[in-house]
Amino acid sequence: MASYIAPSVQDKFETLSIDLKNMILERNVQIHTLQDLIQVLETIVAEGE
């Protein structure tokens, strides 16, 4: 399964660093809303702590 970033969230996604975008895409996630994006980012932060 490939990651999916909905067009409605694409602008916010593009503001992230290339490393962070790659981390998100490697997770094979489906991001349809801003809340989905925030949830993935929170997971990445929690794993880094």
PDB file of N, CA and C in Angstrom:
ATOM      1  N   MET A   1       0.846  -1.179   0.000  1.00  0.00           N
ATOM      2  CA  MET A   1       0.000   0.000   0.000  1.00  0.00           C
ATOM      3  C   MET A   1       0.893   1.245   0.000  1.00  0.00           C
ATOM      4  N   ALA A   2       0.612   2.164  -0.848  1.00  0.00           N
ATOM      5  CA  ALA A   2       1.357   3.419  -0.907  1.00  0.00           C
ATOM      6  C   ALA A   2       0.643   4.483  -0.074  1.00  0.00           C
ATOM      7  N   SER A   3       1.424   5.409   0.436  1.00  0.00           N
ATOM      8  CA  SER A   3       0.825   6.504   1.184  1.00  0.00           C
ATOM      9  C   SER A   3      -0.018   7.378   0.261  1.00  0.00           C
ATOM     10  N   TYR A   4      -1.026   7.985   0.836  1.00  0.00           N
ATOM     11  CA  TYR A   4      -1.908   8.879   0.085  1.00  0.00           C
ATOM     12  C   TYR A   4      -2.055  10.171   0.872  1.00  0.00           C
ATOM     13  N   ILE A   5      -1.839  11.288   0.201  1.00  0.00           N
ATOM     14  CA  ILE A   5      -2.054  12.606   0.789  1.00  0.00           C
ATOM     15  C   ILE A   5      -3.149  13.277  -0.037  1.00  0.00           C
ATOM     16  N   ALA A   6      -4.278  13.559   0.593  1.00  0.00           N
ATOM     17  CA  ALA A   6      -5.411  14.163  -0.111  1.00  0.00           C
ATOM     18  C   ALA A   6      -5.036  15.564  -0.615  1.00  0.00           C
ATOM     19  N   PRO A   7      -5.572  15.948  -1.762  1.00  0.00           N
ATOM     20  CA  PRO A   7      -5.296  17.287  -2.300  1.00  0.00           C
ATOM     21  C   PRO A   7      -5.622  18.410  -1.315  1.00  0.00           C
ATOM     22  N   SER A   8      -6.626  18.221  -0.482  1.00  0.00           N
ATOM     23  CA  SER A   8      -7.015  19.264   0.480  1.00  0.00           C
ATOM     24  C   SER A   8      -5.976  19.477   1.576  1.00  0.00           C
ATOM     25  N   VAL A   9      -5.079  18.510   1.758  1.00  0.00           N
ATOM     26  CA  VAL A   9      -4.058  18.582   2.804  1.00  0.00           C
ATOM     27  C   VAL A   9      -2.667  18.794   2.192  1.00  0.00           C
ATOM     28  N   GLN A  10      -2.567  18.680   0.888  1.00  0.00           N
ATOM     29  CA  GLN A  10      -1.278  18.737   0.196  1.00  0.00           C
ATOM     30  C   GLN A  10      -0.491  20.015   0.516  1.00  0.00           C
ATOM     31  N   ASP A  11      -1.163  21.165   0.571  1.00  0.00           N
ATOM     32  CA  ASP A  11      -0.469  22.423   0.865  1.00  0.00           C
ATOM     33  C   ASP A  11       0.211  22.380   2.227  1.00  0.00           C
ATOM     34  N   LYS A  12      -0.471  21.855   3.226  1.00  0.00           N
ATOM     35  CA  LYS A  12       0.113  21.751   4.572  1.00  0.00           C
ATOM     36  C   LYS A  12       1.268  20.749   4.568  1.00  0.00           C
ATOM     37  N   PHE A  13       1.083  19.640   3.883  1.00  0.00           N
ATOM     38  CA  PHE A  13       2.113  18.610   3.801  1.00  0.00           C
ATOM     39  C   PHE A  13       3.390  19.173   3.178  1.00  0.00           C
ATOM     40  N   GLU A  14       3.246  19.988   2.156  1.00  0.00           N
ATOM     41  CA  GLU A  14       4.404  20.536   1.444  1.00  0.00           C
ATOM     42  C   GLU A  14       5.212  21.524   2.282  1.00  0.00           C
ATOM     43  N   THR A  15       4.640  22.035   3.374  1.00  0.00           N
ATOM     44  CA  THR A  15       5.389  22.959   4.228  1.00  0.00           C
ATOM     45  C   THR A  15       6.361  22.231   5.154  1.00  0.00           C
ATOM     46  N   LEU A  16       6.238  20.920   5.238  1.00  0.00           N
ATOM     47  CA  LEU A  16       7.111  20.141   6.119  1.00  0.00           C
ATOM     48  C   LEU A  16       8.487  19.948   5.489  1.00  0.00           C
ATOM     49  N   SER A  17       9.469  19.628   6.306  1.00  0.00           N
ATOM     50  CA  SER A  17      10.815  19.366   5.788  1.00  0.00           C
ATOM     51  C   SER A  17      10.798  18.096   4.946  1.00  0.00           C
ATOM     52  N   ILE A  18      11.773  17.983   4.054  1.00  0.00           N
ATOM     53  CA  ILE A  18      11.842  16.799   3.180  1.00  0.00           C
ATOM     54  C   ILE A  18      12.016  15.533   4.012  1.00  0.00           C
ATOM     55  N   ASP A  19      12.783  15.603   5.092  1.00  0.00           N
ATOM     56  CA  ASP A  19      12.980  14.424   5.938  1.00  0.00           C
ATOM     57  C   ASP A  19      11.673  13.991   6.594  1.00  0.00           C
ATOM     58  N   LEU A  20      10.921  14.957   7.070  1.00  0.00           N
ATOM     59  CA  LEU A  20       9.647  14.647   7.714  1.00  0.00           C
ATOM     60  C   LEU A  20       8.651  14.097   6.699  1.00  0.00           C
ATOM     61  N   LYS A  21       8.613  14.692   5.521  1.00  0.00           N
ATOM     62  CA  LYS A  21       7.723  14.168   4.477  1.00  0.00           C
ATOM     63  C   LYS A  21       8.082  12.727   4.149  1.00  0.00           C
ATOM     64  N   ASN A  22       9.364  12.440   4.034  1.00  0.00           N
ATOM     65  CA  ASN A  22       9.788  11.071   3.734  1.00  0.00           C
ATOM     66  C   ASN A  22       9.396  10.106   4.843  1.00  0.00           C
ATOM     67  N   MET A  23       9.539  10.533   6.102  1.00  0.00           N
ATOM     68  CA  MET A  23       9.137   9.682   7.225  1.00  0.00           C
ATOM     69  C   MET A  23       7.648   9.350   7.156  1.00  0.00           C
ATOM     70  N   ILE A  24       6.855  10.339   6.802  1.00  0.00           N
ATOM     71  CA  ILE A  24       5.409  10.128   6.696  1.00  0.00           C
ATOM     72  C   ILE A  24       5.102   9.166   5.552  1.00  0.00           C
ATOM     73  N   LEU A  25       5.692   9.412   4.390  1.00  0.00           N
ATOM     74  CA  LEU A  25       5.407   8.576   3.220  1.00  0.00           C
ATOM     75  C   LEU A  25       5.852   7.126   3.418  1.00  0.00           C
ATOM     76  N   GLU A  26       6.921   6.909   4.164  1.00  0.00           N
ATOM     77  CA  GLU A  26       7.412   5.558   4.429  1.00  0.00           C
ATOM     78  C   GLU A  26       6.453   4.753   5.293  1.00  0.00           C
ATOM     79  N   ARG A  27       5.530   5.413   5.954  1.00  0.00           N
ATOM     80  CA  ARG A  27       4.606   4.734   6.861  1.00  0.00           C
ATOM     81  C   ARG A  27       3.390   4.144   6.149  1.00  0.00           C
ATOM     82  N   ASN A  28       3.269   4.394   4.875  1.00  0.00           N
ATOM     83  CA  ASN A  28       2.122   3.866   4.112  1.00  0.00           C
ATOM     84  C   ASN A  28       0.795   4.256   4.760  1.00  0.00           C
ATOM     85  N   VAL A  29       0.627   5.550   4.968  1.00  0.00           N
ATOM     86  CA  VAL A  29      -0.580   6.061   5.623  1.00  0.00           C
ATOM     87  C   VAL A  29      -1.521   6.714   4.618  1.00  0.00           C
ATOM     88  N   GLN A  30      -2.764   6.823   5.016  1.00  0.00           N
ATOM     89  CA  GLN A  30      -3.783   7.508   4.228  1.00  0.00           C
ATOM     90  C   GLN A  30      -4.131   8.792   4.968  1.00  0.00           C
ATOM     91  N   ILE A  31      -3.777   9.945   4.403  1.00  0.00           N
ATOM     92  CA  ILE A  31      -4.047  11.219   5.042  1.00  0.00           C
ATOM     93  C   ILE A  31      -5.098  11.962   4.222  1.00  0.00           C
ATOM     94  N   HIS A  32      -6.296  12.030   4.791  1.00  0.00           N
ATOM     95  CA  HIS A  32      -7.424  12.669   4.103  1.00  0.00           C
ATOM     96  C   HIS A  32      -7.768  14.029   4.698  1.00  0.00           C
ATOM     97  N   THR A  33      -7.407  14.227   5.965  1.00  0.00           N
ATOM     98  CA  THR A  33      -7.758  15.472   6.649  1.00  0.00           C
ATOM     99  C   THR A  33      -6.532  16.016   7.391  1.00  0.00           C
ATOM    100  N   LEU A  34      -6.618  17.255   7.802  1.00  0.00           N
ATOM    101  CA  LEU A  34      -5.547  17.845   8.599  1.00  0.00           C
ATOM    102  C   LEU A  34      -5.376  17.062   9.901  1.00  0.00           C
ATOM    103  N   GLN A  35      -6.469  16.591  10.466  1.00  0.00           N
ATOM    104  CA  GLN A  35      -6.386  15.791  11.697  1.00  0.00           C
ATOM    105  C   GLN A  35      -5.593  14.509  11.464  1.00  0.00           C
ATOM    106  N   ASP A  36      -5.754  13.872  10.305  1.00  0.00           N
ATOM    107  CA  ASP A  36      -4.962  12.680   9.973  1.00  0.00           C
ATOM    108  C   ASP A  36      -3.472  13.022   9.958  1.00  0.00           C
ATOM    109  N   LEU A  37      -3.130  14.159   9.357  1.00  0.00           N
ATOM    110  CA  LEU A  37      -1.734  14.589   9.281  1.00  0.00           C
ATOM    111  C   LEU A  37      -1.180  14.848  10.685  1.00  0.00           C
ATOM    112  N   ILE A  38      -1.945  15.532  11.508  1.00  0.00           N
ATOM    113  CA  ILE A  38      -1.521  15.824  12.874  1.00  0.00           C
ATOM    114  C   ILE A  38      -1.301  14.528  13.649  1.00  0.00           C
ATOM    115  N   GLN A  39      -2.180  13.569  13.466  1.00  0.00           N
ATOM    116  CA  GLN A  39      -2.065  12.294  14.178  1.00  0.00           C
ATOM    117  C   GLN A  39      -0.772  11.567  13.800  1.00  0.00           C
ATOM    118  N   VAL A  40      -0.423  11.558  12.518  1.00  0.00           N
ATOM    119  CA  VAL A  40       0.815  10.918  12.081  1.00  0.00           C
ATOM    120  C   VAL A  40       2.020  11.654  12.665  1.00  0.00           C
ATOM    121  N   LEU A  41       1.970  12.983  12.652  1.00  0.00           N
ATOM    122  CA  LEU A  41       3.066  13.764  13.211  1.00  0.00           C
ATOM    123  C   LEU A  41       3.214  13.508  14.712  1.00  0.00           C
ATOM    124  N   GLU A  42       2.110  13.399  15.423  1.00  0.00           N
ATOM    125  CA  GLU A  42       2.167  13.110  16.866  1.00  0.00           C
ATOM    126  C   GLU A  42       2.775  11.735  17.123  1.00  0.00           C
ATOM    127  N   THR A  43       2.461  10.778  16.267  1.00  0.00           N
ATOM    128  CA  THR A  43       3.034   9.428  16.399  1.00  0.00           C
ATOM    129  C   THR A  43       4.545   9.468  16.207  1.00  0.00           C
ATOM    130  N   ILE A  44       4.987  10.223  15.214  1.00  0.00           N
ATOM    131  CA  ILE A  44       6.427  10.341  14.951  1.00  0.00           C
ATOM    132  C   ILE A  44       7.130  10.988  16.141  1.00  0.00           C
ATOM    133  N   VAL A  45       6.534  12.025  16.704  1.00  0.00           N
ATOM    134  CA  VAL A  45       7.121  12.701  17.870  1.00  0.00           C
ATOM    135  C   VAL A  45       7.194  11.735  19.046  1.00  0.00           C
ATOM    136  N   ALA A  46       6.118  10.996  19.292  1.00  0.00           N
ATOM    137  CA  ALA A  46       6.082  10.052  20.430  1.00  0.00           C
ATOM    138  C   ALA A  46       7.151   8.989  20.276  1.00  0.00           C
ATOM    139  N   GLU A  47       7.381   8.515  19.069  1.00  0.00           N
ATOM    140  CA  GLU A  47       8.400   7.497  18.841  1.00  0.00           C
ATOM    141  C   GLU A  47       9.807   8.044  19.069  1.00  0.00           C
ATOM    142  N   GLY A  48       9.975   9.352  18.875  1.00  0.00           N
ATOM    143  CA  GLY A  48      11.280   9.961  19.040  1.00  0.00           C
ATOM    144  C   GLY A  48      11.635  10.298  20.469  1.00  0.00           C
ATOM    145  N   GLU A  49      10.664  10.200  21.358  1.00  0.00           N
ATOM    146  CA  GLU A  49      10.904  10.571  22.765  1.00  0.00           C
ATOM    147  C   GLU A  49      11.515   9.433  23.541  1.00  0.00           C
TER     148      GLU A  49
END
